[in-house]
């Protein structure tokens, strides 16, 4: 790693030590702001600024720090990636007890979840189960085309904002359920973009991910279709909440602005450009979050 690219990582490594830093990096804290925003979107749409303070902090720690961190750590423990992975460039070798740490984190998340209202507890519990069957052999659904997409769409897309709403203890209206279903489709649009630049490493492990099975072109076309389905669900939720549909056009334009050019020129793009494309889709996701937050603010 070069000094300019990883100056913050190197500074933290000097403070914490190389081994401790390796554990921290494999929790991939660079994803936590994204996960936090998507989680708290549900909380804010339920309660506005009247957030339940203690429940929000406990819910964030349980779902984002423990569950998401543990999920990514257990994934790293079994993958042993050498190239760039999502939210972590030039990953260090997984430390000796990373699997043990991830199991403790997931177990703690499961137990703490039941200190909060039922919608949160069961959403969180379902995500813990999916984290295990997604990464751990012999089930390892991430290596099975279609299942990898389903797990991520349901876990990150649908259950994350639902868990965020759940910490308030308020009933879940149908309008918000349509939004969560829309996010399941939207993560389906995002997911292929997280896999394209990792095709070679996935093939070397024998994984048969959706992108490997479908190919880059068909995967990107499928992503466009899922983005359209997601916005149809957002429109249903917005309509049921008696709000204007027009701002959703900006969200759809952001997704099409990333996916359509990518689909057109994927053959000429380098691995680094494909990786950069993934981060552009995260930008489109942020646009969607902001627009829905403004549209459906309680």
Foldseek 3Di string as FASTA:
>chain_A
DDCVVCVVLVVVCVVPPVQVSLLVVQLLCLCLVLLLLLLLLLQCLQPNVPGPVVLLVLLSCLCRVLLSSLLSLLQCVQLQDQQDAPNDGRRDGNDDCSNVSSVVSLVVSLVSQVVAADQLNVLSVVSSVLSCLCRPPPNNQQLPEPSVLQSCLCNRQQSSSSNSNRRVVDDDDPLVNLLSNLRSLQVLLLVVLNCPLVVVSSVVVVRNYNCNVQPDLVSLVSSLVSNVVSLVSNQVSLVVLVWDSVLSVVLNCQSCVLRVVCSVPVVVDDSVVSNVSSVSSSVSVVSVSVSSCVGSRD
